[in-house]
């Protein structure tokens, strides 16, 4: 008989894995740090992140939205993004603190 994981079921493991993969890219982590608890337009994210194109930022934002990490809304011709769950900031803070100095 196979022992079941008591921490997460298989579906939760898949969801968490997809979200973590979506956040694992350096540019995506930077975007998440820029967002914090705020809702920010794509243009403002682009200006704060720098070092890439707005098209590249948009592609990374879309991927994170598809994986459930971000939510978006349109207001006229602007698209705004925010974290789907601000508790992700706690996870990012814990990861930063755990790996600081490596």
Protein backbone atom coordinates (compact mmCIF):
# COMPACT_ATOMS: atom_id res chain seq x y z
CA UNK A 1 0.00 0.00 0.00
CA UNK A 2 1.37 3.39 -1.02
CA UNK A 3 1.76 5.94 1.77
CA UNK A 4 0.04 9.27 1.04
CA UNK A 5 1.79 12.56 1.64
CA UNK A 6 0.15 14.15 4.68
CA UNK A 7 1.48 17.64 3.93
CA UNK A 8 -0.01 18.02 0.43
CA UNK A 9 -2.04 15.81 -1.85
CA UNK A 10 -0.91 15.15 -5.43
CA UNK A 11 -3.02 17.94 -6.90
CA UNK A 12 -1.64 20.50 -4.43
CA UNK A 13 1.90 19.34 -5.16
CA UNK A 14 1.33 19.95 -8.88
CA UNK A 15 -0.16 23.42 -8.24
CA UNK A 16 2.69 24.45 -5.95
CA UNK A 17 5.27 23.07 -8.37
CA UNK A 18 3.80 25.07 -11.29
CA UNK A 19 3.75 28.27 -9.23
CA UNK A 20 7.33 27.78 -7.99
CA UNK A 21 8.57 27.12 -11.52
CA UNK A 22 6.84 30.29 -12.67
CA UNK A 23 8.56 32.32 -9.94
CA UNK A 24 12.02 30.77 -10.29
CA UNK A 25 13.34 32.93 -13.13
CA UNK A 26 15.50 35.91 -11.94
CA UNK A 27 13.48 38.45 -13.92
CA UNK A 28 10.21 37.06 -12.60
CA UNK A 29 11.50 37.24 -9.03
CA UNK A 30 12.44 40.86 -9.64
CA UNK A 31 8.94 41.56 -10.99
CA UNK A 32 7.40 39.98 -7.88
CA UNK A 33 9.61 42.13 -5.66
CA UNK A 34 8.55 45.25 -7.58
CA UNK A 35 4.90 44.33 -7.23
CA UNK A 36 4.97 43.62 -3.52
CA UNK A 37 1.46 44.18 -2.16
CA UNK A 38 0.57 46.75 -4.82
CA UNK A 39 -1.19 46.64 -8.14
CA UNK A 40 1.03 48.13 -10.85
CA UNK A 41 0.63 48.74 -14.58
CA UNK A 42 2.81 46.92 -17.09
CA UNK A 43 4.45 50.23 -18.04
CA UNK A 44 5.35 51.01 -14.41
CA UNK A 45 6.69 47.47 -13.90
CA UNK A 46 8.83 47.89 -17.03
CA UNK A 47 10.21 51.23 -15.80
CA UNK A 48 11.06 49.83 -12.35
CA UNK A 49 12.56 46.54 -13.53
CA UNK A 50 14.61 47.95 -16.41
CA UNK A 51 17.32 46.00 -18.28
CA UNK A 52 14.85 44.34 -20.70
CA UNK A 53 12.07 45.15 -23.15
CA UNK A 54 8.44 45.80 -22.33
CA UNK A 55 7.56 42.86 -24.58
CA UNK A 56 9.77 40.55 -22.48
CA UNK A 57 8.20 41.85 -19.26
CA UNK A 58 4.73 41.23 -20.72
CA UNK A 59 5.65 37.65 -21.64
CA UNK A 60 6.87 36.93 -18.11
CA UNK A 61 3.77 38.55 -16.61
CA UNK A 62 1.51 36.46 -18.84
CA UNK A 63 3.29 33.25 -17.85
CA UNK A 64 2.91 34.04 -14.14
CA UNK A 65 -0.76 34.91 -14.67
CA UNK A 66 -1.33 31.60 -16.49
CA UNK A 67 0.29 29.71 -13.60
CA UNK A 68 -1.88 31.50 -11.03
CA UNK A 69 0.88 33.58 -9.44
CA UNK A 70 -0.53 36.91 -10.67
CA UNK A 71 -3.90 38.43 -11.45
CA UNK A 72 -4.55 41.18 -13.92
CA UNK A 73 -7.19 43.71 -14.82
CA UNK A 74 -7.61 46.07 -17.72
CA UNK A 75 -8.47 49.73 -17.31
CA UNK A 76 -8.90 51.38 -20.72
CA UNK A 77 -5.60 50.72 -22.50
CA UNK A 78 -3.58 49.81 -19.39
CA UNK A 79 -3.18 46.38 -17.82
CA UNK A 80 -2.51 46.18 -14.09
CA UNK A 81 -0.97 43.23 -12.29
CA UNK A 82 -0.97 42.13 -8.66
CA UNK A 83 -0.07 39.01 -6.73
CA UNK A 84 -2.90 36.51 -6.67
CA UNK A 85 -2.17 35.97 -2.98
CA UNK A 86 -0.03 38.36 -0.91
CA UNK A 87 1.04 35.44 1.27
CA UNK A 88 3.49 34.68 -1.54
CA UNK A 89 5.50 37.63 -0.24
CA UNK A 90 5.98 35.73 3.02
CA UNK A 91 7.27 32.75 1.05
CA UNK A 92 9.67 34.97 -0.92
CA UNK A 93 10.89 36.63 2.29
CA UNK A 94 11.47 33.24 3.88
CA UNK A 95 13.37 32.00 0.83
CA UNK A 96 15.48 35.17 0.76
CA UNK A 97 16.29 34.84 4.46
CA UNK A 98 17.03 31.12 4.15
CA UNK A 99 19.43 31.50 1.23
CA UNK A 100 21.07 34.81 2.09
CA UNK A 101 24.81 34.43 1.93
CA UNK A 102 24.92 31.33 -0.26
